[in-house]
């Protein structure tokens, strides 16, 4: 789902604090509110309620939970759990080793 990948990219790029990027991030969030799975949107709410930016280990973990929920919605069927851990998502996407 493009809305998921757009959101992930925009959050990671938001560290630059570019005004154009902020507009694109808002568009991505809007798309996810409209089209995203409820579990994904709820994880996004938690991320923005407590962190909002990728500036701490806890924020990275919260963001990784969003990615995990997105993967479950897109890739993993309801009968099977994802074999990719949150730690691995953080390491692969964000590049932060715990």
PDB file of N, CA and C in Angstrom:
ATOM      1  N   UNK A   1       0.851  -1.171   0.000  1.00  0.00           N
ATOM      2  CA  UNK A   1       0.000   0.000   0.000  1.00  0.00           C
ATOM      3  C   UNK A   1       0.896   1.233   0.000  1.00  0.00           C
ATOM      4  N   UNK A   2       0.722   2.076  -0.990  1.00  0.00           N
ATOM      5  CA  UNK A   2       1.567   3.264  -1.118  1.00  0.00           C
ATOM      6  C   UNK A   2       1.437   4.212   0.059  1.00  0.00           C
ATOM      7  N   UNK A   3       0.252   4.305   0.650  1.00  0.00           N
ATOM      8  CA  UNK A   3       0.060   5.211   1.785  1.00  0.00           C
ATOM      9  C   UNK A   3       0.992   4.834   2.932  1.00  0.00           C
ATOM     10  N   UNK A   4       1.203   3.543   3.149  1.00  0.00           N
ATOM     11  CA  UNK A   4       2.084   3.093   4.217  1.00  0.00           C
ATOM     12  C   UNK A   4       3.535   3.490   3.925  1.00  0.00           C
ATOM     13  N   UNK A   5       4.000   3.181   2.724  1.00  0.00           N
ATOM     14  CA  UNK A   5       5.397   3.497   2.400  1.00  0.00           C
ATOM     15  C   UNK A   5       5.638   5.002   2.359  1.00  0.00           C
ATOM     16  N   UNK A   6       4.663   5.767   1.889  1.00  0.00           N
ATOM     17  CA  UNK A   6       4.806   7.229   1.880  1.00  0.00           C
ATOM     18  C   UNK A   6       4.945   7.772   3.299  1.00  0.00           C
ATOM     19  N   UNK A   7       4.115   7.266   4.207  1.00  0.00           N
ATOM     20  CA  UNK A   7       4.171   7.720   5.598  1.00  0.00           C
ATOM     21  C   UNK A   7       5.531   7.420   6.221  1.00  0.00           C
ATOM     22  N   UNK A   8       6.007   6.197   6.052  1.00  0.00           N
ATOM     23  CA  UNK A   8       7.291   5.806   6.632  1.00  0.00           C
ATOM     24  C   UNK A   8       8.394   6.728   6.121  1.00  0.00           C
ATOM     25  N   UNK A   9       8.433   6.936   4.820  1.00  0.00           N
ATOM     26  CA  UNK A   9       9.465   7.802   4.241  1.00  0.00           C
ATOM     27  C   UNK A   9       9.376   9.223   4.765  1.00  0.00           C
ATOM     28  N   UNK A  10       8.180   9.757   4.874  1.00  0.00           N
ATOM     29  CA  UNK A  10       8.006  11.138   5.321  1.00  0.00           C
ATOM     30  C   UNK A  10       8.413  11.321   6.781  1.00  0.00           C
ATOM     31  N   UNK A  11       8.097  10.352   7.632  1.00  0.00           N
ATOM     32  CA  UNK A  11       8.490  10.480   9.038  1.00  0.00           C
ATOM     33  C   UNK A  11      10.005  10.466   9.167  1.00  0.00           C
ATOM     34  N   UNK A  12      10.643   9.544   8.479  1.00  0.00           N
ATOM     35  CA  UNK A  12      12.102   9.468   8.556  1.00  0.00           C
ATOM     36  C   UNK A  12      12.734  10.732   7.988  1.00  0.00           C
ATOM     37  N   UNK A  13      12.194  11.256   6.906  1.00  0.00           N
ATOM     38  CA  UNK A  13      12.729  12.484   6.303  1.00  0.00           C
ATOM     39  C   UNK A  13      12.393  13.725   7.121  1.00  0.00           C
ATOM     40  N   UNK A  14      11.401  13.647   8.007  1.00  0.00           N
ATOM     41  CA  UNK A  14      10.985  14.828   8.773  1.00  0.00           C
ATOM     42  C   UNK A  14      12.074  15.310   9.724  1.00  0.00           C
ATOM     43  N   UNK A  15      13.071  14.497   9.950  1.00  0.00           N
ATOM     44  CA  UNK A  15      14.195  14.912  10.786  1.00  0.00           C
ATOM     45  C   UNK A  15      14.858  16.151  10.179  1.00  0.00           C
ATOM     46  N   UNK A  16      14.763  16.297   8.863  1.00  0.00           N
ATOM     47  CA  UNK A  16      15.355  17.454   8.176  1.00  0.00           C
ATOM     48  C   UNK A  16      14.626  18.745   8.490  1.00  0.00           C
ATOM     49  N   UNK A  17      13.370  18.656   8.948  1.00  0.00           N
ATOM     50  CA  UNK A  17      12.531  19.819   9.247  1.00  0.00           C
ATOM     51  C   UNK A  17      12.369  20.731   8.036  1.00  0.00           C
ATOM     52  N   UNK A  18      12.199  20.141   6.885  1.00  0.00           N
ATOM     53  CA  UNK A  18      11.959  20.852   5.643  1.00  0.00           C
ATOM     54  C   UNK A  18      10.467  21.177   5.547  1.00  0.00           C
ATOM     55  N   UNK A  19      10.117  22.413   5.218  1.00  0.00           N
ATOM     56  CA  UNK A  19       8.707  22.816   5.168  1.00  0.00           C
ATOM     57  C   UNK A  19       7.923  21.997   4.146  1.00  0.00           C
ATOM     58  N   UNK A  20       8.509  21.764   2.973  1.00  0.00           N
ATOM     59  CA  UNK A  20       7.830  20.952   1.957  1.00  0.00           C
ATOM     60  C   UNK A  20       7.593  19.540   2.463  1.00  0.00           C
ATOM     61  N   UNK A  21       8.555  19.011   3.190  1.00  0.00           N
ATOM     62  CA  UNK A  21       8.403  17.673   3.742  1.00  0.00           C
ATOM     63  C   UNK A  21       7.264  17.624   4.754  1.00  0.00           C
ATOM     64  N   UNK A  22       7.088  18.674   5.534  1.00  0.00           N
ATOM     65  CA  UNK A  22       5.997  18.738   6.499  1.00  0.00           C
ATOM     66  C   UNK A  22       4.640  18.652   5.825  1.00  0.00           C
ATOM     67  N   UNK A  23       4.511  19.300   4.679  1.00  0.00           N
ATOM     68  CA  UNK A  23       3.265  19.237   3.917  1.00  0.00           C
ATOM     69  C   UNK A  23       3.030  17.822   3.413  1.00  0.00           C
ATOM     70  N   UNK A  24       4.071  17.196   2.902  1.00  0.00           N
ATOM     71  CA  UNK A  24       3.949  15.827   2.402  1.00  0.00           C
ATOM     72  C   UNK A  24       3.619  14.856   3.537  1.00  0.00           C
ATOM     73  N   UNK A  25       4.197  15.079   4.705  1.00  0.00           N
ATOM     74  CA  UNK A  25       3.896  14.236   5.862  1.00  0.00           C
ATOM     75  C   UNK A  25       2.422  14.357   6.235  1.00  0.00           C
ATOM     76  N   UNK A  26       1.897  15.573   6.248  1.00  0.00           N
ATOM     77  CA  UNK A  26       0.477  15.766   6.562  1.00  0.00           C
ATOM     78  C   UNK A  26      -0.410  15.040   5.548  1.00  0.00           C
ATOM     79  N   UNK A  27      -0.035  15.075   4.270  1.00  0.00           N
ATOM     80  CA  UNK A  27      -0.794  14.352   3.243  1.00  0.00           C
ATOM     81  C   UNK A  27      -0.749  12.849   3.515  1.00  0.00           C
ATOM     82  N   UNK A  28       0.424  12.348   3.863  1.00  0.00           N
ATOM     83  CA  UNK A  28       0.572  10.919   4.151  1.00  0.00           C
ATOM     84  C   UNK A  28      -0.273  10.510   5.345  1.00  0.00           C
ATOM     85  N   UNK A  29      -0.262  11.329   6.383  1.00  0.00           N
ATOM     86  CA  UNK A  29      -1.065  11.034   7.579  1.00  0.00           C
ATOM     87  C   UNK A  29      -2.551  11.035   7.209  1.00  0.00           C
ATOM     88  N   UNK A  30      -2.968  12.000   6.419  1.00  0.00           N
ATOM     89  CA  UNK A  30      -4.359  12.053   5.980  1.00  0.00           C
ATOM     90  C   UNK A  30      -4.768  10.807   5.212  1.00  0.00           C
ATOM     91  N   UNK A  31      -3.900  10.345   4.319  1.00  0.00           N
ATOM     92  CA  UNK A  31      -4.189   9.129   3.564  1.00  0.00           C
ATOM     93  C   UNK A  31      -4.320   7.921   4.485  1.00  0.00           C
ATOM     94  N   UNK A  32      -3.471   7.845   5.479  1.00  0.00           N
ATOM     95  CA  UNK A  32      -3.539   6.711   6.400  1.00  0.00           C
ATOM     96  C   UNK A  32      -4.787   6.764   7.274  1.00  0.00           C
ATOM     97  N   UNK A  33      -5.190   7.953   7.668  1.00  0.00           N
ATOM     98  CA  UNK A  33      -6.428   8.069   8.447  1.00  0.00           C
ATOM     99  C   UNK A  33      -7.602   7.562   7.614  1.00  0.00           C
ATOM    100  N   UNK A  34      -7.610   7.882   6.328  1.00  0.00           N
ATOM    101  CA  UNK A  34      -8.701   7.454   5.463  1.00  0.00           C
ATOM    102  C   UNK A  34      -8.627   5.980   5.077  1.00  0.00           C
ATOM    103  N   UNK A  35      -7.438   5.498   4.738  1.00  0.00           N
ATOM    104  CA  UNK A  35      -7.314   4.183   4.118  1.00  0.00           C
ATOM    105  C   UNK A  35      -6.597   3.137   4.964  1.00  0.00           C
ATOM    106  N   UNK A  36      -5.964   3.543   6.047  1.00  0.00           N
ATOM    107  CA  UNK A  36      -5.168   2.613   6.846  1.00  0.00           C
ATOM    108  C   UNK A  36      -6.006   1.710   7.728  1.00  0.00           C
ATOM    109  N   UNK A  37      -5.466   0.574   8.041  1.00  0.00           N
ATOM    110  CA  UNK A  37      -6.068  -0.371   8.975  1.00  0.00           C
ATOM    111  C   UNK A  37      -6.169   0.289  10.352  1.00  0.00           C
ATOM    112  N   UNK A  38      -7.232  -0.013  11.102  1.00  0.00           N
ATOM    113  CA  UNK A  38      -7.425   0.601  12.420  1.00  0.00           C
ATOM    114  C   UNK A  38      -6.236   0.363  13.352  1.00  0.00           C
ATOM    115  N   UNK A  39      -5.641  -0.819  13.304  1.00  0.00           N
ATOM    116  CA  UNK A  39      -4.506  -1.095  14.197  1.00  0.00           C
ATOM    117  C   UNK A  39      -3.301  -0.218  13.840  1.00  0.00           C
ATOM    118  N   UNK A  40      -3.127   0.073  12.562  1.00  0.00           N
ATOM    119  CA  UNK A  40      -2.043   0.970  12.126  1.00  0.00           C
ATOM    120  C   UNK A  40      -2.318   2.387  12.616  1.00  0.00           C
ATOM    121  N   UNK A  41      -3.527   2.856  12.419  1.00  0.00           N
ATOM    122  CA  UNK A  41      -3.885   4.220  12.835  1.00  0.00           C
ATOM    123  C   UNK A  41      -3.737   4.363  14.353  1.00  0.00           C
ATOM    124  N   UNK A  42      -4.142   3.350  15.111  1.00  0.00           N
ATOM    125  CA  UNK A  42      -3.984   3.413  16.569  1.00  0.00           C
ATOM    126  C   UNK A  42      -2.516   3.486  16.981  1.00  0.00           C
ATOM    127  N   UNK A  43      -1.637   2.756  16.304  1.00  0.00           N
ATOM    128  CA  UNK A  43      -0.195   2.858  16.605  1.00  0.00           C
ATOM    129  C   UNK A  43       0.348   4.237  16.232  1.00  0.00           C
ATOM    130  N   UNK A  44      -0.165   4.804  15.131  1.00  0.00           N
ATOM    131  CA  UNK A  44       0.246   6.165  14.759  1.00  0.00           C
ATOM    132  C   UNK A  44      -0.170   7.157  15.835  1.00  0.00           C
ATOM    133  N   UNK A  45      -1.386   6.995  16.355  1.00  0.00           N
ATOM    134  CA  UNK A  45      -1.865   7.880  17.417  1.00  0.00           C
ATOM    135  C   UNK A  45      -0.929   7.798  18.618  1.00  0.00           C
ATOM    136  N   UNK A  46      -0.548   6.595  19.012  1.00  0.00           N
ATOM    137  CA  UNK A  46       0.387   6.432  20.132  1.00  0.00           C
ATOM    138  C   UNK A  46       1.722   7.109  19.849  1.00  0.00           C
ATOM    139  N   UNK A  47       2.246   6.933  18.634  1.00  0.00           N
ATOM    140  CA  UNK A  47       3.525   7.541  18.269  1.00  0.00           C
ATOM    141  C   UNK A  47       3.448   9.067  18.385  1.00  0.00           C
ATOM    142  N   UNK A  48       2.403   9.667  17.815  1.00  0.00           N
ATOM    143  CA  UNK A  48       2.295  11.128  17.842  1.00  0.00           C
ATOM    144  C   UNK A  48       1.902  11.668  19.208  1.00  0.00           C
ATOM    145  N   UNK A  49       1.171  10.891  19.977  1.00  0.00           N
ATOM    146  CA  UNK A  49       0.782  11.327  21.317  1.00  0.00           C
ATOM    147  C   UNK A  49       2.001  11.437  22.232  1.00  0.00           C
ATOM    148  N   UNK A  50       2.923  10.488  22.119  1.00  0.00           N
ATOM    149  CA  UNK A  50       4.049  10.433  23.058  1.00  0.00           C
ATOM    150  C   UNK A  50       5.389  10.889  22.483  1.00  0.00           C
ATOM    151  N   UNK A  51       5.570  10.859  21.157  1.00  0.00           N
ATOM    152  CA  UNK A  51       6.892  11.169  20.588  1.00  0.00           C
ATOM    153  C   UNK A  51       6.807  12.160  19.431  1.00  0.00           C
ATOM    154  N   UNK A  52       6.289  11.746  18.307  1.00  0.00           N
ATOM    155  CA  UNK A  52       6.141  12.637  17.166  1.00  0.00           C
ATOM    156  C   UNK A  52       7.346  12.745  16.264  1.00  0.00           C
ATOM    157  N   UNK A  53       8.526  12.503  16.800  1.00  0.00           N
ATOM    158  CA  UNK A  53       9.751  12.532  16.000  1.00  0.00           C
ATOM    159  C   UNK A  53      10.637  11.373  16.431  1.00  0.00           C
ATOM    160  N   UNK A  54      11.548  11.001  15.559  1.00  0.00           N
ATOM    161  CA  UNK A  54      12.470   9.895  15.833  1.00  0.00           C
ATOM    162  C   UNK A  54      13.719  10.421  16.521  1.00  0.00           C
ATOM    163  N   UNK A  55      13.585  10.721  17.810  1.00  0.00           N
ATOM    164  CA  UNK A  55      14.710  11.312  18.524  1.00  0.00           C
ATOM    165  C   UNK A  55      15.093  10.555  19.795  1.00  0.00           C
ATOM    166  N   UNK A  56      14.565   9.344  19.953  1.00  0.00           N
ATOM    167  CA  UNK A  56      14.910   8.551  21.137  1.00  0.00           C
ATOM    168  C   UNK A  56      14.675   7.077  20.847  1.00  0.00           C
ATOM    169  N   UNK A  57      15.223   6.248  21.693  1.00  0.00           N
ATOM    170  CA  UNK A  57      15.012   4.804  21.555  1.00  0.00           C
ATOM    171  C   UNK A  57      13.532   4.462  21.647  1.00  0.00           C
ATOM    172  N   UNK A  58      12.831   5.096  22.576  1.00  0.00           N
ATOM    173  CA  UNK A  58      11.405   4.831  22.735  1.00  0.00           C
ATOM    174  C   UNK A  58      10.610   5.261  21.501  1.00  0.00           C
ATOM    175  N   UNK A  59      10.974   6.387  20.920  1.00  0.00           N
ATOM    176  CA  UNK A  59      10.309   6.848  19.703  1.00  0.00           C
ATOM    177  C   UNK A  59      10.560   5.878  18.551  1.00  0.00           C
ATOM    178  N   UNK A  60      11.795   5.395  18.441  1.00  0.00           N
ATOM    179  CA  UNK A  60      12.121   4.419  17.400  1.00  0.00           C
ATOM    180  C   UNK A  60      11.319   3.141  17.574  1.00  0.00           C
ATOM    181  N   UNK A  61      11.173   2.693  18.814  1.00  0.00           N
ATOM    182  CA  UNK A  61      10.394   1.487  19.084  1.00  0.00           C
ATOM    183  C   UNK A  61       8.925   1.703  18.736  1.00  0.00           C
ATOM    184  N   UNK A  62       8.388   2.860  19.066  1.00  0.00           N
ATOM    185  CA  UNK A  62       7.001   3.171  18.741  1.00  0.00           C
ATOM    186  C   UNK A  62       6.795   3.203  17.229  1.00  0.00           C
ATOM    187  N   UNK A  63       7.739   3.794  16.508  1.00  0.00           N
ATOM    188  CA  UNK A  63       7.669   3.840  15.051  1.00  0.00           C
ATOM    189  C   UNK A  63       7.773   2.442  14.461  1.00  0.00           C
ATOM    190  N   UNK A  64       8.632   1.613  15.036  1.00  0.00           N
ATOM    191  CA  UNK A  64       8.768   0.234  14.569  1.00  0.00           C
ATOM    192  C   UNK A  64       7.456  -0.533  14.752  1.00  0.00           C
ATOM    193  N   UNK A  65       6.706  -0.222  15.790  1.00  0.00           N
ATOM    194  CA  UNK A  65       5.400  -0.863  15.993  1.00  0.00           C
ATOM    195  C   UNK A  65       4.434  -0.491  14.870  1.00  0.00           C
ATOM    196  N   UNK A  66       4.520   0.750  14.398  1.00  0.00           N
ATOM    197  CA  UNK A  66       3.685   1.156  13.254  1.00  0.00           C
ATOM    198  C   UNK A  66       4.045   0.312  12.044  1.00  0.00           C
ATOM    199  N   UNK A  67       5.338   0.185  11.771  1.00  0.00           N
ATOM    200  CA  UNK A  67       5.790  -0.601  10.622  1.00  0.00           C
ATOM    201  C   UNK A  67       5.347  -2.051  10.763  1.00  0.00           C
ATOM    202  N   UNK A  68       5.448  -2.582  11.967  1.00  0.00           N
ATOM    203  CA  UNK A  68       5.032  -3.960  12.212  1.00  0.00           C
ATOM    204  C   UNK A  68       3.542  -4.149  11.921  1.00  0.00           C
ATOM    205  N   UNK A  69       2.716  -3.208  12.343  1.00  0.00           N
ATOM    206  CA  UNK A  69       1.275  -3.277  12.072  1.00  0.00           C
ATOM    207  C   UNK A  69       1.000  -3.167  10.575  1.00  0.00           C
ATOM    208  N   UNK A  70       1.767  -2.323   9.876  1.00  0.00           N
ATOM    209  CA  UNK A  70       1.616  -2.204   8.433  1.00  0.00           C
ATOM    210  C   UNK A  70       1.947  -3.520   7.749  1.00  0.00           C
ATOM    211  N   UNK A  71       3.056  -4.146   8.185  1.00  0.00           N
ATOM    212  CA  UNK A  71       3.438  -5.447   7.616  1.00  0.00           C
ATOM    213  C   UNK A  71       2.352  -6.479   7.845  1.00  0.00           C
ATOM    214  N   UNK A  72       1.808  -6.492   9.028  1.00  0.00           N
ATOM    215  CA  UNK A  72       0.756  -7.465   9.328  1.00  0.00           C
ATOM    216  C   UNK A  72      -0.444  -7.241   8.420  1.00  0.00           C
ATOM    217  N   UNK A  73      -0.802  -5.984   8.184  1.00  0.00           N
ATOM    218  CA  UNK A  73      -1.938  -5.668   7.331  1.00  0.00           C
ATOM    219  C   UNK A  73      -1.687  -6.076   5.878  1.00  0.00           C
ATOM    220  N   UNK A  74      -0.468  -5.873   5.395  1.00  0.00           N
ATOM    221  CA  UNK A  74      -0.164  -6.103   3.989  1.00  0.00           C
ATOM    222  C   UNK A  74       0.293  -7.539   3.715  1.00  0.00           C
ATOM    223  N   UNK A  75       1.198  -8.058   4.534  1.00  0.00           N
ATOM    224  CA  UNK A  75       1.910  -9.291   4.215  1.00  0.00           C
ATOM    225  C   UNK A  75       1.409 -10.509   4.965  1.00  0.00           C
ATOM    226  N   UNK A  76       1.188 -10.369   6.226  1.00  0.00           N
ATOM    227  CA  UNK A  76       0.921 -11.519   7.078  1.00  0.00           C
ATOM    228  C   UNK A  76      -0.583 -11.720   7.212  1.00  0.00           C
ATOM    229  N   UNK A  77      -1.041 -12.939   6.980  1.00  0.00           N
ATOM    230  CA  UNK A  77      -2.469 -13.180   7.174  1.00  0.00           C
ATOM    231  C   UNK A  77      -2.770 -13.322   8.660  1.00  0.00           C
ATOM    232  N   UNK A  78      -4.024 -13.278   9.017  1.00  0.00           N
ATOM    233  CA  UNK A  78      -4.432 -13.270  10.417  1.00  0.00           C
ATOM    234  C   UNK A  78      -4.038 -14.527  11.178  1.00  0.00           C
ATOM    235  N   UNK A  79      -3.789 -15.628  10.490  1.00  0.00           N
ATOM    236  CA  UNK A  79      -3.494 -16.893  11.157  1.00  0.00           C
ATOM    237  C   UNK A  79      -2.014 -17.066  11.473  1.00  0.00           C
ATOM    238  N   UNK A  80      -1.177 -16.201  10.977  1.00  0.00           N
ATOM    239  CA  UNK A  80       0.270 -16.342  11.136  1.00  0.00           C
ATOM    240  C   UNK A  80       0.862 -15.066  11.723  1.00  0.00           C
ATOM    241  N   UNK A  81       1.738 -15.206  12.676  1.00  0.00           N
ATOM    242  CA  UNK A  81       2.434 -14.062  13.252  1.00  0.00           C
ATOM    243  C   UNK A  81       3.666 -13.734  12.416  1.00  0.00           C
ATOM    244  N   UNK A  82       4.015 -12.477  12.356  1.00  0.00           N
ATOM    245  CA  UNK A  82       5.225 -12.070  11.661  1.00  0.00           C
ATOM    246  C   UNK A  82       6.444 -12.615  12.390  1.00  0.00           C
ATOM    247  N   UNK A  83       7.400 -13.066  11.633  1.00  0.00           N
ATOM    248  CA  UNK A  83       8.630 -13.582  12.216  1.00  0.00           C
ATOM    249  C   UNK A  83       9.697 -12.505  12.346  1.00  0.00           C
ATOM    250  N   UNK A  84       9.381 -11.293  11.953  1.00  0.00           N
ATOM    251  CA  UNK A  84      10.334 -10.187  12.041  1.00  0.00           C
ATOM    252  C   UNK A  84      10.039  -9.410  13.315  1.00  0.00           C
ATOM    253  N   UNK A  85      11.035  -9.308  14.179  1.00  0.00           N
ATOM    254  CA  UNK A  85      10.861  -8.646  15.472  1.00  0.00           C
ATOM    255  C   UNK A  85      10.929  -7.127  15.323  1.00  0.00           C
ATOM    256  N   UNK A  86      10.429  -6.441  16.354  1.00  0.00           N
ATOM    257  CA  UNK A  86      10.534  -4.976  16.362  1.00  0.00           C
ATOM    258  C   UNK A  86      11.985  -4.529  16.325  1.00  0.00           C
ATOM    259  N   UNK A  87      12.845  -5.249  17.039  1.00  0.00           N
ATOM    260  CA  UNK A  87      14.270  -4.896  17.053  1.00  0.00           C
ATOM    261  C   UNK A  87      14.865  -4.975  15.648  1.00  0.00           C
ATOM    262  N   UNK A  88      14.479  -6.008  14.891  1.00  0.00           N
ATOM    263  CA  UNK A  88      14.986  -6.149  13.531  1.00  0.00           C
ATOM    264  C   UNK A  88      14.459  -5.043  12.622  1.00  0.00           C
ATOM    265  N   UNK A  89      13.194  -4.640  12.824  1.00  0.00           N
ATOM    266  CA  UNK A  89      12.644  -3.541  12.034  1.00  0.00           C
ATOM    267  C   UNK A  89      13.427  -2.262  12.316  1.00  0.00           C
ATOM    268  N   UNK A  90      13.684  -1.993  13.582  1.00  0.00           N
ATOM    269  CA  UNK A  90      14.462  -0.800  13.943  1.00  0.00           C
ATOM    270  C   UNK A  90      15.836  -0.847  13.291  1.00  0.00           C
ATOM    271  N   UNK A  91      16.504  -1.978  13.402  1.00  0.00           N
ATOM    272  CA  UNK A  91      17.845  -2.119  12.835  1.00  0.00           C
ATOM    273  C   UNK A  91      17.826  -1.934  11.322  1.00  0.00           C
ATOM    274  N   UNK A  92      16.890  -2.569  10.637  1.00  0.00           N
ATOM    275  CA  UNK A  92      16.864  -2.525   9.177  1.00  0.00           C
ATOM    276  C   UNK A  92      16.432  -1.177   8.625  1.00  0.00           C
ATOM    277  N   UNK A  93      15.401  -0.590   9.201  1.00  0.00           N
ATOM    278  CA  UNK A  93      14.854   0.628   8.602  1.00  0.00           C
ATOM    279  C   UNK A  93      15.462   1.898   9.163  1.00  0.00           C
ATOM    280  N   UNK A  94      15.564   1.961  10.457  1.00  0.00           N
ATOM    281  CA  UNK A  94      16.027   3.191  11.086  1.00  0.00           C
ATOM    282  C   UNK A  94      17.549   3.185  11.261  1.00  0.00           C
ATOM    283  N   UNK A  95      18.126   2.004  11.366  1.00  0.00           N
ATOM    284  CA  UNK A  95      19.566   1.889  11.488  1.00  0.00           C
ATOM    285  C   UNK A  95      20.063   2.122  12.901  1.00  0.00           C
ATOM    286  N   UNK A  96      19.216   1.917  13.875  1.00  0.00           N
ATOM    287  CA  UNK A  96      19.585   2.108  15.274  1.00  0.00           C
ATOM    288  C   UNK A  96      19.733   0.751  15.913  1.00  0.00           C
ATOM    289  N   UNK A  97      20.923   0.461  16.408  1.00  0.00           N
ATOM    290  CA  UNK A  97      21.164  -0.817  17.071  1.00  0.00           C
ATOM    291  C   UNK A  97      20.950  -0.633  18.549  1.00  0.00           C
ATOM    292  N   UNK A  98      20.124  -1.519  19.141  1.00  0.00           N
ATOM    293  CA  UNK A  98      19.813  -1.416  20.563  1.00  0.00           C
ATOM    294  C   UNK A  98      20.883  -2.056  21.391  1.00  0.00           C
TER     295      UNK A  98
END
